[in-house]
């Protein structure tokens, strides 16, 4: 057993949650190795680096990482400012990854292909808990590990555009016209959208960010048209809490979007799903199907599929995972985060107990831990890894003492007339109150702003899978 403990804990992913794990591992004097498929820390985050998040810096920095940075003389940003994804990577993650305690233990361009146990497949039981993990990279290298913390996220596995969880007919054939969440409409990707008709599919805040950028582009460049399609009958939940939101940037996003729709600058299609896509004279013919089965057709130049993400557990196929068949999260965590049953305010804080699989020593954390649930917060991931690392160190008292302080989210439904009970999915936030305990949910960041979706509780729409009513993360 002592020989096993001398091996490193392998952390997959150098995003905010993966790097937070290294801070806790360092503080616990546990050896570790970080494997990052990209070339820099926060590689996935940099792909939406142009987006400014809803939450101020104070909610986006892991406490253990902050302690190490402060000891090194790091000059922290104004904790009340709202960073972009690029600023989170450059100002926070990059300096942290450069710390001498951490830098030698980070490897870039190291993509994990598979995880197993040395000499054991999934069927073998004898000696399993004392046998090292085998982590194989795509270049064939094999690394032995004491434990594995999988913080690889879901950015690389976006949901499909079609309804029913299946690709729309012809979706592959029109791939050249498709964009996934958060293209840089006003920057690097501008030429693909200027003077063209773009269809944005999705009811989350990743869709909202893109729609607002397209509306700005349309004001600057004639011929730019914007259509927004959602499966629900009303956009009220996407508009959010407006002035009642305790994170003002998030409330302002919904208010601006509503103003563009009301003014006709953004055409809104409701009660709609993408059925078929056909290349047509350099454009895309889109057949949409309504709830009553009727169909209509529209032709566009670009389609932005802001439909969220899903986990890929294939690298752990030889491990003993206990995944809920619906959510794709651990069986213990799934009922706590199920958007069919829970709003953002009813998901309790959780840690190693809920994240444990039958495979001892393997934990998926961060966005990946939530499976298909769209309600993850970066701050939730920080508490997850604190709990998991405490358990690896044998400190079960600390591991089980799971707490979380997050900002109140305001009301999730901005229009009480849309609800028969006039209830919102979160309690309204008192004006002077900015934090609360126990809200463990909300995707791409840590209260990461952009990919946030406001879910209905009676039926979670297929295109509303990028966030929850509390906020957003990615590793």
Protein backbone atom coordinates (compact mmCIF):
# COMPACT_ATOMS: atom_id res chain seq x y z
CA UNK A 1 0.00 0.00 0.00
CA UNK A 2 2.89 2.38 0.74
CA UNK A 3 4.26 1.81 -2.75
CA UNK A 4 0.89 2.76 -4.21
CA UNK A 5 0.83 5.96 -2.15
CA UNK A 6 4.18 7.01 -3.58
CA UNK A 7 2.62 7.24 -7.04
CA UNK A 8 1.12 10.56 -8.15
CA UNK A 9 -2.53 11.46 -8.26
CA UNK A 10 -3.18 12.09 -11.95
CA UNK A 11 -5.38 15.10 -12.66
CA UNK A 12 -6.88 15.19 -16.15
CA UNK A 13 -7.43 18.75 -17.33
CA UNK A 14 -5.75 22.06 -16.47
CA UNK A 15 -8.92 24.11 -16.37
CA UNK A 16 -10.05 25.98 -13.26
CA UNK A 17 -11.31 22.89 -11.44
CA UNK A 18 -8.35 20.68 -12.38
CA UNK A 19 -5.86 23.32 -11.26
CA UNK A 20 -7.82 23.87 -8.05
CA UNK A 21 -7.30 20.17 -7.36
CA UNK A 22 -3.54 20.66 -7.66
CA UNK A 23 -3.63 23.45 -5.09
CA UNK A 24 -5.31 21.17 -2.58
CA UNK A 25 -3.02 18.25 -3.45
CA UNK A 26 0.00 20.49 -2.88
CA UNK A 27 -1.32 21.69 0.47
CA UNK A 28 -1.87 18.06 1.48
CA UNK A 29 1.66 17.07 0.36
CA UNK A 30 0.26 14.51 -2.07
CA UNK A 31 2.30 13.94 -5.27
CA UNK A 32 0.41 14.81 -8.47
CA UNK A 33 0.70 15.07 -12.23
CA UNK A 34 -1.60 17.16 -14.44
CA UNK A 35 -2.30 16.02 -18.00
CA UNK A 36 -3.70 18.75 -20.23
CA UNK A 37 -4.63 18.06 -23.85
CA UNK A 38 -4.26 21.72 -24.82
CA UNK A 39 -1.16 23.87 -25.03
CA UNK A 40 -1.97 26.17 -22.12
CA UNK A 41 -3.89 26.24 -18.85
CA UNK A 42 -7.57 26.89 -19.42
CA UNK A 43 -7.36 25.89 -23.09
CA UNK A 44 -11.11 25.32 -23.39
CA UNK A 45 -11.86 28.55 -21.56
CA UNK A 46 -9.74 30.49 -24.05
CA UNK A 47 -12.03 29.32 -26.85
CA UNK A 48 -14.74 31.56 -25.41
CA UNK A 49 -12.26 34.09 -24.08
CA UNK A 50 -14.15 37.02 -25.63
CA UNK A 51 -17.15 36.43 -23.33
CA UNK A 52 -17.43 38.35 -20.06
CA UNK A 53 -18.78 36.26 -17.21
CA UNK A 54 -21.63 37.21 -14.87
CA UNK A 55 -19.83 36.71 -11.60
CA UNK A 56 -17.13 38.93 -10.11
CA UNK A 57 -13.61 37.68 -9.54
CA UNK A 58 -14.25 36.83 -5.90
CA UNK A 59 -16.42 33.88 -6.92
CA UNK A 60 -14.02 32.58 -9.57
CA UNK A 61 -10.82 32.01 -7.59
CA UNK A 62 -10.31 28.80 -5.61
CA UNK A 63 -9.32 29.56 -1.99
CA UNK A 64 -6.37 27.12 -1.94
CA UNK A 65 -5.08 28.47 -5.25
CA UNK A 66 -5.42 32.02 -3.88
CA UNK A 67 -3.30 31.12 -0.85
CA UNK A 68 -0.47 29.86 -3.07
CA UNK A 69 -0.69 32.86 -5.37
CA UNK A 70 -0.69 35.32 -2.49
CA UNK A 71 2.41 33.67 -1.02
CA UNK A 72 4.12 34.24 -4.37
CA UNK A 73 3.26 37.94 -4.39
CA UNK A 74 0.45 37.75 -6.94
CA UNK A 75 -1.39 41.00 -7.47
CA UNK A 76 -5.06 40.06 -7.45
CA UNK A 77 -7.53 41.82 -9.74
CA UNK A 78 -10.35 43.91 -8.34
CA UNK A 79 -12.53 41.22 -6.83
CA UNK A 80 -15.71 43.03 -7.84
CA UNK A 81 -14.78 43.26 -11.53
CA UNK A 82 -16.27 40.87 -14.10
CA UNK A 83 -13.55 39.01 -16.03
CA UNK A 84 -13.69 37.62 -19.54
CA UNK A 85 -12.80 34.01 -20.19
CA UNK A 86 -9.44 35.14 -21.55
CA UNK A 87 -8.77 37.22 -18.43
CA UNK A 88 -9.59 34.26 -16.20
CA UNK A 89 -7.03 32.22 -18.11
CA UNK A 90 -4.34 34.92 -18.38
CA UNK A 91 -4.67 36.69 -15.03
CA UNK A 92 -5.49 33.72 -12.81
CA UNK A 93 -4.83 30.30 -14.33
CA UNK A 94 -1.60 31.08 -16.18
CA UNK A 95 0.22 32.64 -13.18
CA UNK A 96 -1.00 29.82 -10.98
CA UNK A 97 0.28 27.16 -13.40
CA UNK A 98 3.65 28.94 -13.49
CA UNK A 99 4.22 28.65 -9.73
CA UNK A 100 7.40 26.63 -9.07
CA UNK A 101 5.47 24.26 -6.79
CA UNK A 102 3.17 23.35 -9.69
CA UNK A 103 4.88 23.99 -13.04
CA UNK A 104 7.09 20.85 -13.03
CA UNK A 105 3.99 18.72 -12.51
CA UNK A 106 1.98 20.02 -15.49
CA UNK A 107 2.20 18.45 -18.93
CA UNK A 108 0.62 20.03 -22.01
CA UNK A 109 -0.30 18.31 -25.27
CA UNK A 110 -1.00 15.18 -23.22
CA UNK A 111 -4.36 13.76 -24.26
CA UNK A 112 -5.66 10.78 -22.29
CA UNK A 113 -6.88 7.88 -24.40
CA UNK A 114 -7.89 5.39 -21.70
CA UNK A 115 -7.77 4.64 -17.98
CA UNK A 116 -7.57 1.16 -16.47
CA UNK A 117 -5.74 -0.75 -13.72
CA UNK A 118 -2.30 -2.23 -14.30
CA UNK A 119 -2.86 -5.80 -15.48
CA UNK A 120 -6.58 -5.76 -14.63
CA UNK A 121 -9.61 -5.24 -16.81
CA UNK A 122 -13.02 -4.26 -15.48
CA UNK A 123 -13.93 -7.87 -14.61
CA UNK A 124 -11.02 -8.55 -12.24
CA UNK A 125 -11.75 -7.90 -8.57
CA UNK A 126 -8.93 -9.47 -6.50
CA UNK A 127 -6.37 -6.84 -5.47
CA UNK A 128 -8.10 -4.09 -7.39
CA UNK A 129 -7.97 -1.44 -4.66
CA UNK A 130 -4.20 -1.90 -4.22
CA UNK A 131 -3.36 -1.98 -7.94
CA UNK A 132 -2.18 1.27 -9.57
CA UNK A 133 -4.22 2.98 -12.23
CA UNK A 134 -2.86 2.85 -15.76
CA UNK A 135 -3.39 6.08 -17.70
CA UNK A 136 -2.63 5.71 -21.41
CA UNK A 137 -2.02 8.76 -23.59
CA UNK A 138 -2.81 8.98 -27.29
CA UNK A 139 0.92 8.80 -28.11
CA UNK A 140 1.09 5.40 -26.40
CA UNK A 141 2.81 6.49 -23.20
CA UNK A 142 1.48 4.83 -20.06
CA UNK A 143 1.51 6.44 -16.62
CA UNK A 144 0.86 4.72 -13.32
CA UNK A 145 -1.18 6.59 -10.71
CA UNK A 146 -2.39 6.22 -7.17
CA UNK A 147 -5.72 7.90 -8.00
CA UNK A 148 -7.32 9.78 -10.89
CA UNK A 149 -9.22 13.07 -10.71
CA UNK A 150 -10.94 13.55 -14.06
CA UNK A 151 -11.57 17.26 -14.60
CA UNK A 152 -11.57 17.05 -18.40
CA UNK A 153 -14.92 18.80 -18.73
CA UNK A 154 -17.43 18.56 -21.57
CA UNK A 155 -16.44 21.38 -23.95
CA UNK A 156 -15.27 18.90 -26.58
CA UNK A 157 -18.59 17.03 -26.71
CA UNK A 158 -21.39 19.46 -27.55
CA UNK A 159 -24.98 18.30 -27.83
CA UNK A 160 -26.45 17.75 -31.25
CA UNK A 161 -28.76 20.25 -32.94
CA UNK A 162 -31.73 17.96 -33.49
CA UNK A 163 -34.46 17.11 -31.03
CA UNK A 164 -34.85 13.82 -29.11
CA UNK A 165 -31.11 13.81 -28.39
CA UNK A 166 -30.43 12.73 -31.98
CA UNK A 167 -28.81 14.72 -34.77
CA UNK A 168 -31.19 16.47 -37.13
CA UNK A 169 -31.46 14.81 -40.52
CA UNK A 170 -28.59 16.09 -42.62
CA UNK A 171 -26.79 17.68 -39.66
CA UNK A 172 -23.46 16.13 -40.65
CA UNK A 173 -23.86 17.21 -44.27
CA UNK A 174 -24.10 20.89 -43.31
CA UNK A 175 -21.25 20.85 -40.79
CA UNK A 176 -19.46 23.63 -42.67
CA UNK A 177 -22.37 25.96 -41.87
CA UNK A 178 -22.64 25.02 -38.18
CA UNK A 179 -21.10 26.81 -35.22
CA UNK A 180 -21.07 25.54 -31.67
CA UNK A 181 -21.55 27.72 -28.62
CA UNK A 182 -20.08 31.21 -28.31
CA UNK A 183 -18.45 32.08 -31.63
CA UNK A 184 -16.55 35.38 -31.57
CA UNK A 185 -19.13 37.21 -33.66
CA UNK A 186 -17.68 40.71 -33.22
CA UNK A 187 -14.05 39.62 -33.40
CA UNK A 188 -12.21 36.75 -35.03
CA UNK A 189 -15.35 35.19 -36.54
CA UNK A 190 -16.94 38.42 -37.75
CA UNK A 191 -16.61 37.73 -41.50
CA UNK A 192 -18.64 34.53 -41.19
CA UNK A 193 -21.67 36.46 -39.89
CA UNK A 194 -21.56 39.99 -41.31
CA UNK A 195 -24.21 40.50 -44.00
CA UNK A 196 -25.59 37.00 -43.51
CA UNK A 197 -28.63 35.38 -41.94
CA UNK A 198 -27.83 33.42 -38.78
CA UNK A 199 -30.13 31.04 -36.91
CA UNK A 200 -29.31 30.61 -33.21
CA UNK A 201 -30.81 27.51 -31.57
CA UNK A 202 -30.93 27.33 -27.79
CA UNK A 203 -32.59 28.90 -24.77
CA UNK A 204 -29.54 29.41 -22.58
CA UNK A 205 -27.28 32.33 -21.91
CA UNK A 206 -24.70 31.07 -24.38
CA UNK A 207 -27.41 31.65 -26.97
CA UNK A 208 -28.20 35.03 -25.42
CA UNK A 209 -24.58 36.19 -25.64
CA UNK A 210 -24.39 35.22 -29.30
CA UNK A 211 -27.72 36.86 -30.10
CA UNK A 212 -26.67 40.14 -28.52
CA UNK A 213 -23.40 40.15 -30.48
CA UNK A 214 -25.29 39.43 -33.71
CA UNK A 215 -27.70 42.28 -32.98
CA UNK A 216 -24.73 44.62 -32.51
CA UNK A 217 -23.23 43.36 -35.76
CA UNK A 218 -26.53 43.91 -37.58
CA UNK A 219 -26.50 47.55 -36.45
CA UNK A 220 -23.05 47.97 -38.00
CA UNK A 221 -23.37 45.87 -41.14
CA UNK A 222 -26.43 45.97 -43.40
CA UNK A 223 -27.90 42.68 -44.52
CA UNK A 224 -27.15 40.92 -41.24
CA UNK A 225 -30.24 39.02 -40.09
CA UNK A 226 -30.80 37.21 -36.81
CA UNK A 227 -33.33 34.47 -36.01
CA UNK A 228 -33.60 32.82 -32.59
CA UNK A 229 -35.33 29.46 -32.16
CA UNK A 230 -36.38 27.85 -28.88
CA UNK A 231 -38.44 24.76 -28.14
CA UNK A 232 -40.49 26.31 -25.35
CA UNK A 233 -43.50 28.53 -25.93
CA UNK A 234 -42.05 31.55 -24.12
CA UNK A 235 -38.55 33.05 -23.72
CA UNK A 236 -39.35 34.44 -20.26
CA UNK A 237 -37.04 32.09 -18.41
CA UNK A 238 -34.15 32.91 -20.70
CA UNK A 239 -34.73 36.61 -20.05
CA UNK A 240 -34.18 35.86 -16.37
CA UNK A 241 -34.63 38.10 -13.37
CA UNK A 242 -33.66 41.46 -14.84
CA UNK A 243 -33.17 44.04 -12.11
CA UNK A 244 -34.02 41.43 -9.44
CA UNK A 245 -30.94 39.34 -10.24
CA UNK A 246 -28.23 39.61 -7.58
CA UNK A 247 -25.63 39.29 -10.35
CA UNK A 248 -26.42 42.49 -12.29
CA UNK A 249 -24.55 41.47 -15.44
CA UNK A 250 -26.74 38.41 -15.79
CA UNK A 251 -29.93 40.38 -15.29
CA UNK A 252 -28.83 42.98 -17.84
CA UNK A 253 -28.16 40.28 -20.42
CA UNK A 254 -31.77 39.10 -20.37
CA UNK A 255 -33.13 42.64 -20.38
CA UNK A 256 -31.08 43.60 -23.45
CA UNK A 257 -32.13 40.44 -25.28
CA UNK A 258 -35.79 41.10 -24.59
CA UNK A 259 -35.47 44.66 -25.91
CA UNK A 260 -34.01 43.41 -29.22
CA UNK A 261 -36.79 40.84 -29.63
CA UNK A 262 -39.51 43.33 -28.77
CA UNK A 263 -38.08 45.79 -31.30
CA UNK A 264 -37.99 43.15 -34.04
CA UNK A 265 -34.21 43.22 -34.42
CA UNK A 266 -34.16 39.54 -33.49
CA UNK A 267 -36.86 37.29 -34.95
CA UNK A 268 -38.03 34.78 -32.34
CA UNK A 269 -39.44 31.34 -33.20
CA UNK A 270 -41.04 29.48 -30.29
CA UNK A 271 -42.34 25.93 -29.90
CA UNK A 272 -39.95 24.70 -32.54
CA UNK A 273 -37.37 21.95 -33.08
CA UNK A 274 -34.89 21.40 -35.91
CA UNK A 275 -36.00 18.42 -37.98
CA UNK A 276 -33.88 18.43 -41.15
CA UNK A 277 -31.01 20.40 -42.72
CA UNK A 278 -30.16 20.49 -46.43
CA UNK A 279 -27.33 22.31 -48.25
CA UNK A 280 -28.94 24.72 -50.73
CA UNK A 281 -26.89 26.93 -53.08
CA UNK A 282 -24.22 27.68 -50.51
CA UNK A 283 -26.79 28.14 -47.74
CA UNK A 284 -28.78 25.80 -45.48
CA UNK A 285 -32.45 24.95 -45.81
CA UNK A 286 -33.84 24.29 -42.33
CA UNK A 287 -37.06 22.35 -41.81
CA UNK A 288 -38.52 23.02 -38.40
CA UNK A 289 -41.22 20.97 -36.75
CA UNK A 290 -43.74 22.41 -34.33
CA UNK A 291 -45.32 20.70 -31.35
CA UNK A 292 -48.49 20.00 -33.32
CA UNK A 293 -46.46 18.14 -35.98
CA UNK A 294 -46.67 20.86 -38.61
CA UNK A 295 -43.53 21.90 -40.44
CA UNK A 296 -42.16 25.04 -42.04
CA UNK A 297 -38.96 25.86 -43.88
CA UNK A 298 -36.46 28.70 -43.65
CA UNK A 299 -33.12 29.28 -45.36
CA UNK A 300 -30.09 30.69 -43.52
CA UNK A 301 -26.35 31.12 -43.98
CA UNK A 302 -25.08 30.07 -40.55
CA UNK A 303 -26.49 28.07 -37.64
CA UNK A 304 -25.23 28.44 -34.07
CA UNK A 305 -26.06 25.34 -32.01
CA UNK A 306 -26.08 26.70 -28.47
CA UNK A 307 -27.56 23.45 -27.21
CA UNK A 308 -25.16 22.56 -24.42
CA UNK A 309 -22.76 19.71 -23.81
CA UNK A 310 -22.66 16.13 -22.63
CA UNK A 311 -19.93 14.04 -20.92
CA UNK A 312 -17.76 11.48 -22.69
CA UNK A 313 -16.96 8.62 -20.31
CA UNK A 314 -15.29 6.45 -22.97
CA UNK A 315 -11.78 6.90 -21.54
CA UNK A 316 -13.00 5.18 -18.37
CA UNK A 317 -14.64 2.22 -20.13
CA UNK A 318 -12.45 -0.29 -18.23
CA UNK A 319 -13.24 1.23 -14.85
CA UNK A 320 -16.18 0.33 -12.68
CA UNK A 321 -18.41 3.37 -12.94
CA UNK A 322 -21.88 3.59 -11.42
CA UNK A 323 -23.55 6.10 -13.72
CA UNK A 324 -27.18 7.05 -13.47
CA UNK A 325 -28.83 5.91 -16.73
CA UNK A 326 -30.58 9.25 -17.21
CA UNK A 327 -28.18 11.92 -16.01
CA UNK A 328 -24.80 10.29 -16.67
CA UNK A 329 -23.65 11.47 -13.23
CA UNK A 330 -22.93 9.16 -10.31
CA UNK A 331 -26.02 7.39 -9.09
CA UNK A 332 -25.77 9.17 -5.73
CA UNK A 333 -25.46 12.64 -7.26
CA UNK A 334 -28.06 12.30 -10.02
CA UNK A 335 -31.23 12.73 -7.91
CA UNK A 336 -29.74 15.82 -6.29
CA UNK A 337 -29.18 17.63 -9.60
CA UNK A 338 -31.98 16.30 -11.80
CA UNK A 339 -33.49 19.40 -13.50
CA UNK A 340 -36.80 17.58 -13.82
CA UNK A 341 -37.09 17.64 -10.03
CA UNK A 342 -34.80 20.42 -8.79
CA UNK A 343 -34.41 24.11 -9.31
CA UNK A 344 -31.15 25.87 -8.70
CA UNK A 345 -32.01 26.54 -5.08
CA UNK A 346 -32.76 22.95 -4.08
CA UNK A 347 -29.49 21.20 -4.98
CA UNK A 348 -27.51 20.63 -1.78
CA UNK A 349 -23.74 21.02 -1.49
CA UNK A 350 -21.97 17.76 -2.27
CA UNK A 351 -18.51 16.24 -2.30
CA UNK A 352 -16.64 12.96 -2.27
CA UNK A 353 -19.55 10.97 -0.87
CA UNK A 354 -21.75 11.75 -3.87
CA UNK A 355 -18.87 11.56 -6.38
CA UNK A 356 -17.57 8.09 -5.43
CA UNK A 357 -17.78 5.24 -7.94
CA UNK A 358 -17.33 1.51 -7.27
CA UNK A 359 -13.82 2.07 -8.70
CA UNK A 360 -11.88 3.24 -5.63
CA UNK A 361 -9.66 6.23 -6.31
CA UNK A 362 -11.40 7.51 -9.46
CA UNK A 363 -13.49 10.67 -9.33
CA UNK A 364 -14.93 12.75 -12.15
CA UNK A 365 -15.22 16.35 -10.97
CA UNK A 366 -16.23 19.67 -12.45
CA UNK A 367 -18.68 19.92 -15.32
CA UNK A 368 -18.13 16.28 -16.26
CA UNK A 369 -19.38 15.14 -12.85
CA UNK A 370 -22.83 16.55 -13.61
CA UNK A 371 -23.40 14.38 -16.66
CA UNK A 372 -26.16 16.00 -18.70
CA UNK A 373 -27.43 18.19 -15.88
CA UNK A 374 -27.01 21.81 -16.96
CA UNK A 375 -26.68 23.39 -13.53
CA UNK A 376 -22.98 23.30 -12.67
CA UNK A 377 -21.01 26.13 -11.06
CA UNK A 378 -17.23 26.57 -11.05
CA UNK A 379 -17.41 27.27 -7.33
CA UNK A 380 -19.16 23.92 -6.94
CA UNK A 381 -16.18 22.27 -8.62
CA UNK A 382 -13.79 23.93 -6.20
CA UNK A 383 -15.64 22.46 -3.26
CA UNK A 384 -15.80 19.08 -4.99
CA UNK A 385 -12.01 18.85 -5.37
CA UNK A 386 -11.39 20.13 -1.85
CA UNK A 387 -13.56 17.29 -0.55
CA UNK A 388 -12.06 14.64 -2.86
CA UNK A 389 -8.46 15.58 -2.03
CA UNK A 390 -9.22 15.59 1.69
CA UNK A 391 -10.54 12.03 1.30
CA UNK A 392 -7.41 10.96 -0.62
CA UNK A 393 -5.37 12.35 2.27
CA UNK A 394 -7.43 10.31 4.72
CA UNK A 395 -9.04 13.37 6.33
CA UNK A 396 -12.62 12.18 6.19
CA UNK A 397 -13.87 14.77 8.64
CA UNK A 398 -12.88 17.55 6.24
CA UNK A 399 -13.98 15.52 3.22
CA UNK A 400 -17.52 15.18 4.52
CA UNK A 401 -17.84 18.75 5.77
CA UNK A 402 -19.11 20.13 2.46
CA UNK A 403 -20.22 23.76 2.38
CA UNK A 404 -20.73 26.34 -0.31
CA UNK A 405 -21.23 30.10 -0.26
CA UNK A 406 -22.66 31.51 -3.48
CA UNK A 407 -24.50 34.66 -4.51
CA UNK A 408 -28.26 34.61 -4.54
CA UNK A 409 -29.47 34.40 -8.09
CA UNK A 410 -32.57 36.56 -8.03
CA UNK A 411 -35.70 35.27 -9.67
CA UNK A 412 -35.31 32.76 -12.47
CA UNK A 413 -38.60 33.59 -14.16
CA UNK A 414 -38.86 37.27 -14.90
CA UNK A 415 -42.56 37.20 -15.76
CA UNK A 416 -44.85 35.92 -12.97
CA UNK A 417 -47.73 35.78 -15.45
CA UNK A 418 -46.02 32.77 -17.04
CA UNK A 419 -46.51 30.77 -13.87
CA UNK A 420 -49.84 29.64 -12.51
CA UNK A 421 -48.46 29.89 -8.99
CA UNK A 422 -46.46 33.08 -9.53
CA UNK A 423 -43.50 31.18 -8.08
CA UNK A 424 -40.03 31.43 -9.54
CA UNK A 425 -37.57 28.56 -9.51
CA UNK A 426 -35.40 30.51 -7.07
CA UNK A 427 -36.51 32.73 -4.24
CA UNK A 428 -36.19 36.44 -4.95
CA UNK A 429 -32.95 37.86 -3.58
CA UNK A 430 -33.20 40.65 -1.01
CA UNK A 431 -31.57 43.78 -2.37
CA UNK A 432 -28.80 43.84 0.21
CA UNK A 433 -28.12 40.12 0.17
CA UNK A 434 -25.32 38.87 -2.06
CA UNK A 435 -24.54 35.41 -0.79
CA UNK A 436 -26.28 32.31 0.43
CA UNK A 437 -25.36 28.83 1.52
CA UNK A 438 -26.27 25.58 -0.14
CA UNK A 439 -26.83 26.58 -3.77
CA UNK A 440 -24.56 24.05 -5.39
CA UNK A 441 -25.69 24.52 -8.92
CA UNK A 442 -25.75 26.69 -11.83
CA UNK A 443 -21.96 25.77 -16.39
CA UNK A 444 -18.90 27.16 -18.08
CA UNK A 445 -17.00 28.84 -15.37
CA UNK A 446 -17.72 29.25 -11.76
CA UNK A 447 -20.76 31.07 -11.79
CA UNK A 448 -19.33 31.14 -15.25
CA UNK A 449 -21.57 33.37 -17.06
CA UNK A 450 -22.02 32.52 -20.61
CA UNK A 451 -23.35 29.00 -21.02
CA UNK A 452 -26.24 29.33 -18.58
CA UNK A 453 -29.74 28.03 -19.22
CA UNK A 454 -32.87 28.80 -17.28
CA UNK A 455 -34.82 25.56 -17.11
CA UNK A 456 -38.50 24.95 -16.75
CA UNK A 457 -39.30 22.39 -14.09
CA UNK A 458 -42.12 20.56 -15.82
CA UNK A 459 -40.19 19.66 -18.95
CA UNK A 460 -36.55 20.43 -19.59
CA UNK A 461 -36.29 21.34 -23.30
CA UNK A 462 -33.68 19.59 -25.38
CA UNK A 463 -32.22 22.88 -26.51
CA UNK A 464 -31.89 24.19 -22.96
CA UNK A 465 -29.01 22.05 -21.83
CA UNK A 466 -26.26 24.54 -21.29
CA UNK A 467 -26.90 25.82 -17.81
CA UNK A 468 -29.18 26.17 -14.86
CA UNK A 469 -31.00 28.97 -13.20
CA UNK A 470 -28.12 29.61 -10.88
CA UNK A 471 -25.17 30.02 -13.22
CA UNK A 472 -22.31 28.31 -15.22
CA UNK A 473 -18.22 25.91 -15.79
CA UNK A 474 -15.64 24.18 -17.74
CA UNK A 475 -12.51 22.44 -16.96
